[in-house]
């Protein structure tokens, strides 16, 4: 920690406790940890307050609970069944079953109409807006993931797009402009994650004064 005279350089422990505790948790159950209303509230707060380029607010999020959560992983399983050889499908089916065993799933989208509109309005930055859109989506994923962890859920981030995109939009009647970016199954943890290995922080962060 860099210290300067007269400055309080102490970090916010509760914030970094949450950041450190967020891990990929694959063993999850359908046991409720908090109410559905609170789940929706924390997702709404995350979407409302997570930044985006030019304050474009291009993020779109779908929260799937109960039967809709199961439906998503069923359709993902059947989509993969069509492309994975039958004699190799068992590990895939087990993985889908593990995600389905959770309490819910958060789907993260970006609205292409918003991104395309920015590209047209600000042609000098046009090539950057799709990149910045992905940056914003990543921040939304991190905030929701950390918020879920803080409430006692375990979660992981999955990417079965674009394989399931069309069926997802059709099943839940979503606009064609919503581009699926990631899927986050979550539930009460049934197993702790393994120890995480870190590269030397001195090789990853450089400070010049």
N, C-alpha and C. Protein backbone atom coordinates (compact mmCIF):
# COMPACT_ATOMS: atom_id res chain seq x y z
N UNK A 1 0.84 -1.19 0.00
CA UNK A 1 0.00 0.00 0.00
C UNK A 1 0.88 1.25 0.00
N UNK A 2 0.62 2.20 -0.87
CA UNK A 2 1.37 3.44 -0.94
C UNK A 2 0.80 4.42 0.07
N UNK A 3 1.66 4.98 0.91
CA UNK A 3 1.22 5.92 1.94
C UNK A 3 1.75 7.30 1.65
N UNK A 4 0.91 8.29 1.81
CA UNK A 4 1.31 9.67 1.66
C UNK A 4 0.93 10.42 2.93
N UNK A 5 1.80 11.30 3.34
CA UNK A 5 1.58 12.05 4.58
C UNK A 5 0.24 12.77 4.54
N UNK A 6 -0.51 12.62 5.61
CA UNK A 6 -1.77 13.34 5.73
C UNK A 6 -2.93 12.73 5.00
N UNK A 7 -2.72 11.58 4.31
CA UNK A 7 -3.79 10.96 3.56
C UNK A 7 -4.14 9.61 4.17
N UNK A 8 -5.41 9.31 4.25
CA UNK A 8 -5.86 8.02 4.73
C UNK A 8 -5.94 7.07 3.54
N UNK A 9 -5.02 6.13 3.48
CA UNK A 9 -4.95 5.22 2.32
C UNK A 9 -5.59 3.87 2.62
N UNK A 10 -6.31 3.76 3.72
CA UNK A 10 -6.96 2.50 4.07
C UNK A 10 -8.06 2.19 3.05
N UNK A 11 -8.11 0.95 2.56
CA UNK A 11 -9.14 0.57 1.59
C UNK A 11 -10.45 0.27 2.32
N UNK A 12 -11.51 0.23 1.54
CA UNK A 12 -12.83 -0.08 2.09
C UNK A 12 -12.93 -1.59 2.23
N UNK A 13 -12.79 -2.09 3.46
CA UNK A 13 -12.74 -3.53 3.68
C UNK A 13 -13.99 -4.25 3.23
N UNK A 14 -15.20 -3.79 3.57
CA UNK A 14 -16.39 -4.53 3.12
C UNK A 14 -16.45 -4.68 1.60
N UNK A 15 -16.05 -3.62 0.88
CA UNK A 15 -16.07 -3.70 -0.58
C UNK A 15 -15.10 -4.77 -1.08
N UNK A 16 -13.86 -4.73 -0.61
CA UNK A 16 -12.88 -5.69 -1.09
C UNK A 16 -13.14 -7.08 -0.54
N UNK A 17 -13.78 -7.19 0.61
CA UNK A 17 -14.19 -8.51 1.08
C UNK A 17 -15.13 -9.16 0.07
N UNK A 18 -16.07 -8.38 -0.46
CA UNK A 18 -17.00 -8.89 -1.45
C UNK A 18 -16.28 -9.24 -2.74
N UNK A 19 -15.35 -8.39 -3.16
CA UNK A 19 -14.60 -8.65 -4.39
C UNK A 19 -13.79 -9.94 -4.25
N UNK A 20 -13.14 -10.11 -3.11
CA UNK A 20 -12.32 -11.30 -2.89
C UNK A 20 -13.16 -12.57 -2.79
N UNK A 21 -14.34 -12.44 -2.21
CA UNK A 21 -15.18 -13.62 -1.99
C UNK A 21 -15.84 -14.12 -3.27
N UNK A 22 -16.01 -13.24 -4.26
CA UNK A 22 -16.64 -13.65 -5.51
C UNK A 22 -15.76 -14.67 -6.24
N UNK A 23 -16.30 -15.85 -6.45
CA UNK A 23 -15.58 -16.92 -7.13
C UNK A 23 -16.54 -17.64 -8.08
N UNK A 24 -16.00 -18.46 -8.95
CA UNK A 24 -16.84 -19.33 -9.78
C UNK A 24 -17.27 -20.53 -8.94
N UNK A 25 -18.57 -20.63 -8.70
CA UNK A 25 -19.13 -21.72 -7.89
C UNK A 25 -20.00 -22.58 -8.80
N UNK A 26 -19.62 -23.85 -8.94
CA UNK A 26 -20.35 -24.74 -9.85
C UNK A 26 -21.30 -25.69 -9.11
N UNK A 27 -21.05 -25.93 -7.82
CA UNK A 27 -21.96 -26.74 -7.04
C UNK A 27 -23.01 -25.85 -6.40
N UNK A 28 -24.23 -25.85 -6.93
CA UNK A 28 -25.29 -24.97 -6.44
C UNK A 28 -26.60 -25.75 -6.33
N UNK A 29 -27.47 -25.26 -5.45
CA UNK A 29 -28.76 -25.93 -5.24
C UNK A 29 -29.91 -24.95 -5.41
N UNK A 30 -31.12 -25.49 -5.38
CA UNK A 30 -32.33 -24.68 -5.54
C UNK A 30 -32.82 -24.09 -4.22
N UNK A 31 -32.09 -24.29 -3.15
CA UNK A 31 -32.52 -23.76 -1.86
C UNK A 31 -32.48 -22.24 -1.88
N UNK A 32 -33.55 -21.61 -1.41
CA UNK A 32 -33.63 -20.15 -1.40
C UNK A 32 -32.69 -19.58 -0.36
N UNK A 33 -32.02 -18.50 -0.72
CA UNK A 33 -31.14 -17.79 0.20
C UNK A 33 -31.76 -16.46 0.60
N UNK A 34 -32.32 -15.76 -0.36
CA UNK A 34 -33.07 -14.53 -0.13
C UNK A 34 -34.34 -14.61 -0.96
N UNK A 35 -35.24 -13.67 -0.78
CA UNK A 35 -36.50 -13.70 -1.52
C UNK A 35 -36.28 -13.36 -2.99
N UNK A 36 -37.22 -13.79 -3.82
CA UNK A 36 -37.16 -13.45 -5.24
C UNK A 36 -37.20 -11.93 -5.43
N UNK A 37 -37.98 -11.26 -4.59
CA UNK A 37 -38.08 -9.80 -4.69
C UNK A 37 -36.73 -9.15 -4.45
N UNK A 38 -35.96 -9.67 -3.51
CA UNK A 38 -34.65 -9.09 -3.23
C UNK A 38 -33.68 -9.39 -4.35
N UNK A 39 -33.79 -10.57 -4.97
CA UNK A 39 -32.94 -10.89 -6.12
C UNK A 39 -33.19 -9.89 -7.24
N UNK A 40 -34.46 -9.67 -7.54
CA UNK A 40 -34.82 -8.72 -8.60
C UNK A 40 -34.33 -7.32 -8.24
N UNK A 41 -34.47 -6.94 -6.99
CA UNK A 41 -34.05 -5.61 -6.55
C UNK A 41 -32.56 -5.41 -6.74
N UNK A 42 -31.75 -6.40 -6.36
CA UNK A 42 -30.30 -6.21 -6.49
C UNK A 42 -29.87 -6.17 -7.96
N UNK A 43 -30.55 -6.94 -8.82
CA UNK A 43 -30.25 -6.89 -10.25
C UNK A 43 -30.63 -5.53 -10.82
N UNK A 44 -31.78 -5.04 -10.43
CA UNK A 44 -32.22 -3.72 -10.91
C UNK A 44 -31.25 -2.63 -10.46
N UNK A 45 -30.80 -2.69 -9.21
CA UNK A 45 -29.86 -1.71 -8.71
C UNK A 45 -28.54 -1.78 -9.49
N UNK A 46 -28.10 -2.99 -9.79
CA UNK A 46 -26.86 -3.16 -10.54
C UNK A 46 -26.98 -2.56 -11.94
N UNK A 47 -28.09 -2.85 -12.62
CA UNK A 47 -28.28 -2.33 -13.97
C UNK A 47 -28.42 -0.81 -13.96
N UNK A 48 -29.07 -0.29 -12.95
CA UNK A 48 -29.29 1.17 -12.88
C UNK A 48 -27.99 1.93 -12.65
N UNK A 49 -27.08 1.39 -11.85
CA UNK A 49 -25.94 2.18 -11.41
C UNK A 49 -24.59 1.76 -12.02
N UNK A 50 -24.56 0.70 -12.81
CA UNK A 50 -23.30 0.31 -13.46
C UNK A 50 -23.07 1.21 -14.68
N UNK A 51 -21.85 1.72 -14.86
CA UNK A 51 -21.60 2.69 -15.93
C UNK A 51 -21.60 2.08 -17.33
N UNK A 52 -21.80 2.97 -18.30
CA UNK A 52 -21.73 2.60 -19.72
C UNK A 52 -21.19 3.79 -20.50
N UNK A 53 -20.60 3.54 -21.65
CA UNK A 53 -20.01 4.62 -22.44
C UNK A 53 -21.09 5.60 -22.88
N UNK A 54 -20.78 6.90 -22.75
CA UNK A 54 -21.71 7.96 -23.12
C UNK A 54 -23.04 7.84 -22.37
N UNK A 55 -23.01 7.15 -21.23
CA UNK A 55 -24.23 6.87 -20.47
C UNK A 55 -25.31 6.25 -21.36
N UNK A 56 -24.87 5.36 -22.25
CA UNK A 56 -25.77 4.80 -23.25
C UNK A 56 -26.80 3.84 -22.64
N UNK A 57 -26.45 3.24 -21.48
CA UNK A 57 -27.36 2.31 -20.81
C UNK A 57 -27.87 1.23 -21.77
N UNK A 58 -26.92 0.62 -22.47
CA UNK A 58 -27.26 -0.38 -23.48
C UNK A 58 -27.47 -1.78 -22.91
N UNK A 59 -27.18 -1.97 -21.63
CA UNK A 59 -27.34 -3.29 -21.02
C UNK A 59 -28.81 -3.66 -20.89
N UNK A 60 -29.10 -4.92 -21.15
CA UNK A 60 -30.42 -5.49 -20.94
C UNK A 60 -30.22 -6.80 -20.17
N UNK A 61 -31.05 -7.04 -19.19
CA UNK A 61 -30.88 -8.21 -18.33
C UNK A 61 -32.21 -8.92 -18.14
N UNK A 62 -32.18 -10.23 -18.18
CA UNK A 62 -33.35 -11.06 -17.92
C UNK A 62 -33.04 -11.95 -16.73
N UNK A 63 -33.93 -11.96 -15.74
CA UNK A 63 -33.79 -12.82 -14.56
C UNK A 63 -34.77 -13.98 -14.70
N UNK A 64 -34.23 -15.18 -14.73
CA UNK A 64 -35.04 -16.39 -14.87
C UNK A 64 -35.08 -17.13 -13.54
N UNK A 65 -36.27 -17.33 -13.01
CA UNK A 65 -36.46 -18.02 -11.74
C UNK A 65 -37.45 -19.16 -11.92
N UNK A 66 -37.43 -20.11 -11.00
CA UNK A 66 -38.39 -21.20 -11.04
C UNK A 66 -38.34 -21.99 -12.34
N UNK A 67 -39.53 -22.21 -12.91
CA UNK A 67 -39.62 -23.00 -14.13
C UNK A 67 -38.92 -22.37 -15.32
N UNK A 68 -38.82 -21.06 -15.35
CA UNK A 68 -38.14 -20.40 -16.46
C UNK A 68 -36.64 -20.66 -16.42
N UNK A 69 -36.07 -20.73 -15.22
CA UNK A 69 -34.66 -21.12 -15.07
C UNK A 69 -34.45 -22.53 -15.62
N UNK A 70 -35.30 -23.46 -15.22
CA UNK A 70 -35.19 -24.84 -15.71
C UNK A 70 -35.35 -24.89 -17.23
N UNK A 71 -36.30 -24.11 -17.74
CA UNK A 71 -36.57 -24.11 -19.18
C UNK A 71 -35.33 -23.68 -19.97
N UNK A 72 -34.61 -22.67 -19.45
CA UNK A 72 -33.43 -22.21 -20.17
C UNK A 72 -32.39 -23.32 -20.30
N UNK A 73 -32.13 -24.02 -19.20
CA UNK A 73 -31.09 -25.06 -19.26
C UNK A 73 -31.57 -26.29 -20.01
N UNK A 74 -32.88 -26.53 -20.04
CA UNK A 74 -33.41 -27.61 -20.87
C UNK A 74 -33.20 -27.30 -22.35
N UNK A 75 -33.52 -26.08 -22.75
CA UNK A 75 -33.37 -25.74 -24.17
C UNK A 75 -31.89 -25.69 -24.56
N UNK A 76 -31.03 -25.26 -23.63
CA UNK A 76 -29.60 -25.25 -23.91
C UNK A 76 -29.09 -26.68 -24.06
N UNK A 77 -29.56 -27.58 -23.22
CA UNK A 77 -29.18 -28.99 -23.32
C UNK A 77 -29.57 -29.56 -24.67
N UNK A 78 -30.80 -29.30 -25.09
CA UNK A 78 -31.28 -29.86 -26.36
C UNK A 78 -30.56 -29.22 -27.55
N UNK A 79 -30.20 -27.96 -27.44
CA UNK A 79 -29.44 -27.32 -28.50
C UNK A 79 -28.07 -27.97 -28.65
N UNK A 80 -27.42 -28.23 -27.54
CA UNK A 80 -26.10 -28.85 -27.57
C UNK A 80 -26.18 -30.31 -28.01
N UNK A 81 -27.28 -30.96 -27.69
CA UNK A 81 -27.44 -32.36 -28.08
C UNK A 81 -27.38 -32.53 -29.60
N UNK A 82 -27.81 -31.48 -30.30
CA UNK A 82 -27.84 -31.54 -31.76
C UNK A 82 -26.45 -31.44 -32.38
N UNK A 83 -25.47 -30.93 -31.62
CA UNK A 83 -24.15 -30.69 -32.22
C UNK A 83 -23.03 -31.49 -31.55
N UNK A 84 -23.28 -32.02 -30.36
CA UNK A 84 -22.27 -32.83 -29.69
C UNK A 84 -22.52 -34.30 -30.01
N UNK A 85 -21.51 -35.04 -30.45
CA UNK A 85 -21.70 -36.47 -30.75
C UNK A 85 -22.32 -37.21 -29.56
N UNK A 86 -23.25 -38.11 -29.86
CA UNK A 86 -23.99 -38.81 -28.81
C UNK A 86 -23.08 -39.53 -27.83
N UNK A 87 -22.00 -40.13 -28.33
CA UNK A 87 -21.11 -40.89 -27.46
C UNK A 87 -20.23 -39.99 -26.60
N UNK A 88 -20.30 -38.67 -26.83
CA UNK A 88 -19.52 -37.72 -26.04
C UNK A 88 -20.40 -36.76 -25.25
N UNK A 89 -21.71 -37.01 -25.26
CA UNK A 89 -22.64 -36.02 -24.72
C UNK A 89 -22.80 -36.08 -23.21
N UNK A 90 -22.49 -37.20 -22.58
CA UNK A 90 -22.76 -37.35 -21.15
C UNK A 90 -22.13 -36.25 -20.29
N UNK A 91 -20.84 -35.90 -20.48
CA UNK A 91 -20.27 -34.81 -19.66
C UNK A 91 -21.00 -33.49 -19.86
N UNK A 92 -21.41 -33.21 -21.09
CA UNK A 92 -22.16 -31.98 -21.37
C UNK A 92 -23.50 -32.00 -20.66
N UNK A 93 -24.19 -33.13 -20.71
CA UNK A 93 -25.49 -33.24 -20.06
C UNK A 93 -25.36 -33.09 -18.55
N UNK A 94 -24.30 -33.63 -17.98
CA UNK A 94 -24.08 -33.48 -16.54
C UNK A 94 -23.82 -32.02 -16.17
N UNK A 95 -23.06 -31.33 -17.00
CA UNK A 95 -22.79 -29.92 -16.75
C UNK A 95 -24.07 -29.10 -16.82
N UNK A 96 -24.91 -29.35 -17.82
CA UNK A 96 -26.18 -28.64 -17.93
C UNK A 96 -27.06 -28.94 -16.71
N UNK A 97 -27.03 -30.20 -16.25
CA UNK A 97 -27.81 -30.56 -15.08
C UNK A 97 -27.35 -29.84 -13.83
N UNK A 98 -26.03 -29.61 -13.74
CA UNK A 98 -25.50 -28.89 -12.58
C UNK A 98 -25.97 -27.45 -12.58
N UNK A 99 -25.99 -26.82 -13.74
CA UNK A 99 -26.49 -25.45 -13.82
C UNK A 99 -27.98 -25.40 -13.51
N UNK A 100 -28.72 -26.36 -14.03
CA UNK A 100 -30.16 -26.42 -13.80
C UNK A 100 -30.47 -26.65 -12.32
N UNK A 101 -29.56 -27.25 -11.59
CA UNK A 101 -29.76 -27.52 -10.17
C UNK A 101 -29.79 -26.25 -9.33
N UNK A 102 -29.39 -25.12 -9.93
CA UNK A 102 -29.36 -23.86 -9.21
C UNK A 102 -30.74 -23.25 -9.03
N UNK A 103 -30.74 -22.08 -8.40
CA UNK A 103 -31.99 -21.40 -8.07
C UNK A 103 -32.50 -20.53 -9.22
N UNK A 104 -31.58 -19.95 -9.98
CA UNK A 104 -31.99 -19.06 -11.06
C UNK A 104 -30.85 -18.79 -12.02
N UNK A 105 -31.13 -18.04 -13.04
CA UNK A 105 -30.13 -17.66 -14.04
C UNK A 105 -30.35 -16.21 -14.45
N UNK A 106 -29.27 -15.48 -14.56
CA UNK A 106 -29.32 -14.12 -15.07
C UNK A 106 -28.74 -14.13 -16.48
N UNK A 107 -29.51 -13.62 -17.44
CA UNK A 107 -29.05 -13.50 -18.82
C UNK A 107 -28.66 -12.05 -19.09
N UNK A 108 -27.47 -11.86 -19.64
CA UNK A 108 -26.97 -10.52 -19.94
C UNK A 108 -26.99 -10.29 -21.44
N UNK A 109 -27.58 -9.16 -21.83
CA UNK A 109 -27.69 -8.78 -23.23
C UNK A 109 -27.12 -7.37 -23.42
N UNK A 110 -26.82 -7.04 -24.67
CA UNK A 110 -26.58 -5.67 -25.08
C UNK A 110 -27.55 -5.34 -26.21
N UNK A 111 -28.14 -4.15 -26.16
CA UNK A 111 -29.10 -3.74 -27.18
C UNK A 111 -28.34 -3.16 -28.37
N UNK A 112 -28.34 -3.89 -29.47
CA UNK A 112 -27.60 -3.47 -30.67
C UNK A 112 -28.14 -2.16 -31.24
N UNK A 113 -29.44 -1.90 -31.06
CA UNK A 113 -30.00 -0.65 -31.57
C UNK A 113 -29.35 0.56 -30.91
N UNK A 114 -29.08 0.44 -29.60
CA UNK A 114 -28.43 1.53 -28.89
C UNK A 114 -27.01 1.71 -29.38
N UNK A 115 -26.29 0.62 -29.53
CA UNK A 115 -24.90 0.68 -29.97
C UNK A 115 -24.82 1.21 -31.40
N UNK A 116 -25.69 0.72 -32.27
CA UNK A 116 -25.69 1.20 -33.66
C UNK A 116 -26.03 2.68 -33.72
N UNK A 117 -26.95 3.13 -32.86
CA UNK A 117 -27.30 4.55 -32.83
C UNK A 117 -26.12 5.42 -32.44
N UNK A 118 -25.32 4.97 -31.49
CA UNK A 118 -24.12 5.72 -31.10
C UNK A 118 -23.11 5.75 -32.23
N UNK A 119 -22.97 4.65 -32.93
CA UNK A 119 -22.02 4.60 -34.05
C UNK A 119 -22.40 5.61 -35.13
N UNK A 120 -23.69 5.78 -35.35
CA UNK A 120 -24.15 6.73 -36.35
C UNK A 120 -24.04 8.16 -35.86
N UNK A 121 -24.28 8.38 -34.59
CA UNK A 121 -24.27 9.74 -34.05
C UNK A 121 -22.85 10.27 -33.84
N UNK A 122 -21.92 9.35 -33.57
CA UNK A 122 -20.53 9.75 -33.30
C UNK A 122 -19.59 8.93 -34.18
N UNK A 123 -19.58 9.22 -35.48
CA UNK A 123 -18.80 8.40 -36.42
C UNK A 123 -17.31 8.36 -36.11
N UNK A 124 -16.77 9.39 -35.47
CA UNK A 124 -15.34 9.38 -35.14
C UNK A 124 -14.99 8.26 -34.16
N UNK A 125 -15.97 7.84 -33.36
CA UNK A 125 -15.75 6.78 -32.38
C UNK A 125 -16.43 5.47 -32.78
N UNK A 126 -16.95 5.41 -33.98
CA UNK A 126 -17.83 4.30 -34.37
C UNK A 126 -17.23 2.93 -34.08
N UNK A 127 -15.96 2.75 -34.42
CA UNK A 127 -15.37 1.43 -34.24
C UNK A 127 -15.20 1.03 -32.78
N UNK A 128 -15.26 2.01 -31.90
CA UNK A 128 -15.06 1.72 -30.48
C UNK A 128 -16.33 1.34 -29.73
N UNK A 129 -17.49 1.76 -30.23
CA UNK A 129 -18.71 1.55 -29.46
C UNK A 129 -19.02 0.06 -29.21
N UNK A 130 -18.82 -0.84 -30.19
CA UNK A 130 -19.05 -2.26 -29.87
C UNK A 130 -18.09 -2.76 -28.78
N UNK A 131 -16.87 -2.26 -28.77
CA UNK A 131 -15.91 -2.65 -27.73
C UNK A 131 -16.34 -2.11 -26.39
N UNK A 132 -16.72 -0.83 -26.36
CA UNK A 132 -17.15 -0.22 -25.09
C UNK A 132 -18.42 -0.89 -24.58
N UNK A 133 -19.26 -1.34 -25.49
CA UNK A 133 -20.47 -2.06 -25.09
C UNK A 133 -20.11 -3.34 -24.33
N UNK A 134 -19.10 -4.04 -24.83
CA UNK A 134 -18.65 -5.26 -24.15
C UNK A 134 -18.04 -4.93 -22.79
N UNK A 135 -17.30 -3.82 -22.71
CA UNK A 135 -16.75 -3.39 -21.43
C UNK A 135 -17.87 -3.19 -20.41
N UNK A 136 -18.91 -2.48 -20.82
CA UNK A 136 -20.02 -2.20 -19.93
C UNK A 136 -20.72 -3.49 -19.50
N UNK A 137 -20.90 -4.41 -20.45
CA UNK A 137 -21.53 -5.67 -20.11
C UNK A 137 -20.71 -6.43 -19.07
N UNK A 138 -19.38 -6.42 -19.24
CA UNK A 138 -18.53 -7.08 -18.27
C UNK A 138 -18.69 -6.49 -16.88
N UNK A 139 -18.81 -5.16 -16.80
CA UNK A 139 -19.01 -4.53 -15.50
C UNK A 139 -20.35 -4.94 -14.90
N UNK A 140 -21.39 -5.00 -15.72
CA UNK A 140 -22.70 -5.44 -15.22
C UNK A 140 -22.62 -6.86 -14.68
N UNK A 141 -21.93 -7.71 -15.40
CA UNK A 141 -21.78 -9.10 -14.95
C UNK A 141 -21.06 -9.16 -13.61
N UNK A 142 -20.00 -8.38 -13.48
CA UNK A 142 -19.23 -8.40 -12.23
C UNK A 142 -20.05 -7.87 -11.06
N UNK A 143 -20.77 -6.79 -11.27
CA UNK A 143 -21.55 -6.20 -10.19
C UNK A 143 -22.65 -7.16 -9.73
N UNK A 144 -23.37 -7.75 -10.68
CA UNK A 144 -24.43 -8.69 -10.32
C UNK A 144 -23.84 -9.91 -9.62
N UNK A 145 -22.75 -10.43 -10.16
CA UNK A 145 -22.09 -11.61 -9.59
C UNK A 145 -21.67 -11.34 -8.14
N UNK A 146 -21.04 -10.20 -7.90
CA UNK A 146 -20.57 -9.86 -6.56
C UNK A 146 -21.75 -9.62 -5.62
N UNK A 147 -22.80 -8.99 -6.13
CA UNK A 147 -23.98 -8.75 -5.30
C UNK A 147 -24.64 -10.07 -4.90
N UNK A 148 -24.74 -11.01 -5.83
CA UNK A 148 -25.31 -12.31 -5.51
C UNK A 148 -24.47 -13.03 -4.45
N UNK A 149 -23.16 -12.96 -4.61
CA UNK A 149 -22.26 -13.59 -3.64
C UNK A 149 -22.44 -12.97 -2.27
N UNK A 150 -22.59 -11.65 -2.23
CA UNK A 150 -22.73 -10.96 -0.95
C UNK A 150 -23.98 -11.38 -0.20
N UNK A 151 -24.98 -11.85 -0.94
CA UNK A 151 -26.23 -12.30 -0.31
C UNK A 151 -26.21 -13.78 0.04
N UNK A 152 -25.12 -14.48 -0.31
CA UNK A 152 -25.01 -15.89 0.05
C UNK A 152 -25.18 -16.86 -1.10
N UNK A 153 -25.34 -16.36 -2.33
CA UNK A 153 -25.43 -17.22 -3.49
C UNK A 153 -24.04 -17.52 -4.06
N UNK A 154 -23.92 -18.64 -4.75
CA UNK A 154 -22.76 -18.94 -5.56
C UNK A 154 -23.17 -18.85 -7.02
N UNK A 155 -22.27 -18.42 -7.88
CA UNK A 155 -22.61 -18.25 -9.29
C UNK A 155 -21.39 -18.53 -10.16
N UNK A 156 -21.64 -18.70 -11.45
CA UNK A 156 -20.56 -18.81 -12.43
C UNK A 156 -21.02 -18.14 -13.70
N UNK A 157 -20.09 -17.87 -14.59
CA UNK A 157 -20.42 -17.18 -15.84
C UNK A 157 -20.25 -18.14 -17.01
N UNK A 158 -21.28 -18.26 -17.83
CA UNK A 158 -21.29 -19.20 -18.95
C UNK A 158 -21.56 -18.46 -20.25
N UNK A 159 -21.17 -19.10 -21.36
CA UNK A 159 -21.33 -18.47 -22.68
C UNK A 159 -21.78 -19.53 -23.70
N UNK A 160 -23.09 -19.74 -23.75
CA UNK A 160 -23.65 -20.65 -24.75
C UNK A 160 -24.28 -19.88 -25.90
N UNK A 161 -24.00 -18.60 -25.96
CA UNK A 161 -24.35 -17.80 -27.12
C UNK A 161 -23.22 -17.94 -28.14
N UNK A 162 -23.49 -17.85 -29.43
CA UNK A 162 -24.79 -17.53 -30.03
C UNK A 162 -25.68 -18.75 -30.32
N UNK A 163 -25.27 -19.92 -29.83
CA UNK A 163 -26.02 -21.14 -30.16
C UNK A 163 -27.48 -21.06 -29.75
N UNK A 164 -27.75 -20.42 -28.62
CA UNK A 164 -29.12 -20.42 -28.08
C UNK A 164 -29.85 -19.09 -28.29
N UNK A 165 -29.19 -18.15 -28.94
CA UNK A 165 -29.74 -16.79 -29.02
C UNK A 165 -31.15 -16.73 -29.59
N UNK A 166 -31.34 -17.33 -30.74
CA UNK A 166 -32.65 -17.22 -31.41
C UNK A 166 -33.75 -17.85 -30.58
N UNK A 167 -33.47 -19.01 -30.01
CA UNK A 167 -34.51 -19.68 -29.22
C UNK A 167 -34.81 -18.92 -27.93
N UNK A 168 -33.79 -18.31 -27.35
CA UNK A 168 -34.02 -17.51 -26.14
C UNK A 168 -34.93 -16.32 -26.46
N UNK A 169 -34.62 -15.62 -27.54
CA UNK A 169 -35.46 -14.47 -27.90
C UNK A 169 -36.88 -14.90 -28.21
N UNK A 170 -37.02 -16.04 -28.88
CA UNK A 170 -38.35 -16.53 -29.22
C UNK A 170 -39.12 -16.99 -27.99
N UNK A 171 -38.46 -17.74 -27.12
CA UNK A 171 -39.12 -18.31 -25.94
C UNK A 171 -39.62 -17.24 -24.99
N UNK A 172 -38.81 -16.20 -24.80
CA UNK A 172 -39.19 -15.16 -23.85
C UNK A 172 -39.62 -13.86 -24.53
N UNK A 173 -39.88 -13.93 -25.82
CA UNK A 173 -40.44 -12.80 -26.58
C UNK A 173 -39.61 -11.54 -26.39
N UNK A 174 -38.31 -11.66 -26.66
CA UNK A 174 -37.39 -10.54 -26.50
C UNK A 174 -37.11 -9.89 -27.85
N UNK A 175 -36.79 -8.60 -27.87
CA UNK A 175 -36.53 -7.91 -29.14
C UNK A 175 -35.34 -8.51 -29.88
N UNK A 176 -35.42 -8.48 -31.20
CA UNK A 176 -34.34 -9.00 -32.03
C UNK A 176 -33.03 -8.26 -31.81
N UNK A 177 -33.12 -7.03 -31.34
CA UNK A 177 -31.91 -6.21 -31.16
C UNK A 177 -31.13 -6.60 -29.91
N UNK A 178 -31.71 -7.44 -29.05
CA UNK A 178 -31.01 -7.85 -27.83
C UNK A 178 -30.02 -8.96 -28.15
N UNK A 179 -28.76 -8.67 -28.01
CA UNK A 179 -27.70 -9.64 -28.29
C UNK A 179 -27.26 -10.30 -26.98
N UNK A 180 -27.41 -11.62 -26.91
CA UNK A 180 -27.04 -12.35 -25.70
C UNK A 180 -25.52 -12.37 -25.55
N UNK A 181 -25.05 -12.01 -24.35
CA UNK A 181 -23.62 -11.92 -24.09
C UNK A 181 -23.15 -13.01 -23.14
N UNK A 182 -23.91 -13.29 -22.09
CA UNK A 182 -23.47 -14.25 -21.09
C UNK A 182 -24.65 -14.74 -20.27
N UNK A 183 -24.44 -15.87 -19.60
CA UNK A 183 -25.46 -16.47 -18.75
C UNK A 183 -24.84 -16.76 -17.39
N UNK A 184 -25.57 -16.46 -16.32
CA UNK A 184 -25.05 -16.63 -14.96
C UNK A 184 -26.00 -17.47 -14.11
N UNK A 185 -25.79 -18.79 -14.06
CA UNK A 185 -26.58 -19.62 -13.15
C UNK A 185 -26.13 -19.39 -11.71
N UNK A 186 -27.08 -19.34 -10.78
CA UNK A 186 -26.73 -19.11 -9.39
C UNK A 186 -27.61 -19.94 -8.47
N UNK A 187 -27.12 -20.18 -7.28
CA UNK A 187 -27.88 -20.94 -6.29
C UNK A 187 -27.11 -21.01 -4.99
N UNK A 188 -27.67 -21.66 -4.00
CA UNK A 188 -26.96 -21.82 -2.74
C UNK A 188 -25.78 -22.75 -2.95
N UNK A 189 -24.56 -22.34 -2.55
CA UNK A 189 -23.38 -23.18 -2.78
C UNK A 189 -23.49 -24.52 -2.05
N UNK A 190 -23.09 -25.56 -2.73
CA UNK A 190 -23.05 -26.90 -2.12
C UNK A 190 -21.62 -27.38 -1.95
N UNK A 191 -20.67 -26.63 -2.49
CA UNK A 191 -19.25 -26.99 -2.36
C UNK A 191 -18.43 -25.72 -2.46
N UNK A 192 -17.35 -25.67 -1.69
CA UNK A 192 -16.48 -24.49 -1.71
C UNK A 192 -15.54 -24.56 -2.91
N UNK A 193 -15.16 -23.41 -3.45
CA UNK A 193 -14.20 -23.41 -4.56
C UNK A 193 -12.81 -23.80 -4.08
N UNK A 194 -11.98 -24.24 -5.02
CA UNK A 194 -10.61 -24.57 -4.67
C UNK A 194 -9.78 -23.32 -4.44
N UNK A 195 -8.57 -23.52 -3.97
CA UNK A 195 -7.68 -22.39 -3.73
C UNK A 195 -7.32 -21.71 -5.05
N UNK A 196 -7.36 -20.40 -5.05
CA UNK A 196 -7.06 -19.64 -6.26
C UNK A 196 -5.59 -19.25 -6.28
N UNK A 197 -4.94 -19.46 -7.40
CA UNK A 197 -3.53 -19.12 -7.56
C UNK A 197 -3.40 -17.72 -8.16
N UNK A 198 -2.42 -16.98 -7.70
CA UNK A 198 -2.22 -15.61 -8.17
C UNK A 198 -0.80 -15.44 -8.71
N UNK A 199 -0.69 -14.78 -9.83
CA UNK A 199 0.62 -14.38 -10.34
C UNK A 199 1.14 -13.24 -9.47
N UNK A 200 2.46 -13.05 -9.43
CA UNK A 200 3.01 -11.96 -8.61
C UNK A 200 2.39 -10.62 -8.99
N UNK A 201 1.83 -9.93 -8.00
CA UNK A 201 1.15 -8.67 -8.29
C UNK A 201 2.12 -7.62 -8.81
N UNK A 202 3.40 -7.74 -8.45
CA UNK A 202 4.40 -6.78 -8.93
C UNK A 202 4.58 -6.87 -10.44
N UNK A 203 4.28 -8.05 -11.02
CA UNK A 203 4.39 -8.22 -12.47
C UNK A 203 3.15 -7.70 -13.19
N UNK A 204 2.10 -7.43 -12.45
CA UNK A 204 0.82 -7.06 -13.06
C UNK A 204 0.44 -5.60 -12.83
N UNK A 205 1.03 -4.98 -11.83
CA UNK A 205 0.74 -3.57 -11.52
C UNK A 205 2.04 -2.81 -11.42
N UNK A 206 2.15 -1.74 -12.19
CA UNK A 206 3.32 -0.87 -12.15
C UNK A 206 2.88 0.52 -11.67
N UNK A 207 3.68 1.11 -10.80
CA UNK A 207 3.37 2.43 -10.25
C UNK A 207 4.53 3.36 -10.51
N UNK A 208 4.23 4.52 -11.04
CA UNK A 208 5.25 5.54 -11.33
C UNK A 208 4.85 6.82 -10.62
N UNK A 209 5.78 7.40 -9.84
CA UNK A 209 5.49 8.63 -9.10
C UNK A 209 6.49 9.72 -9.49
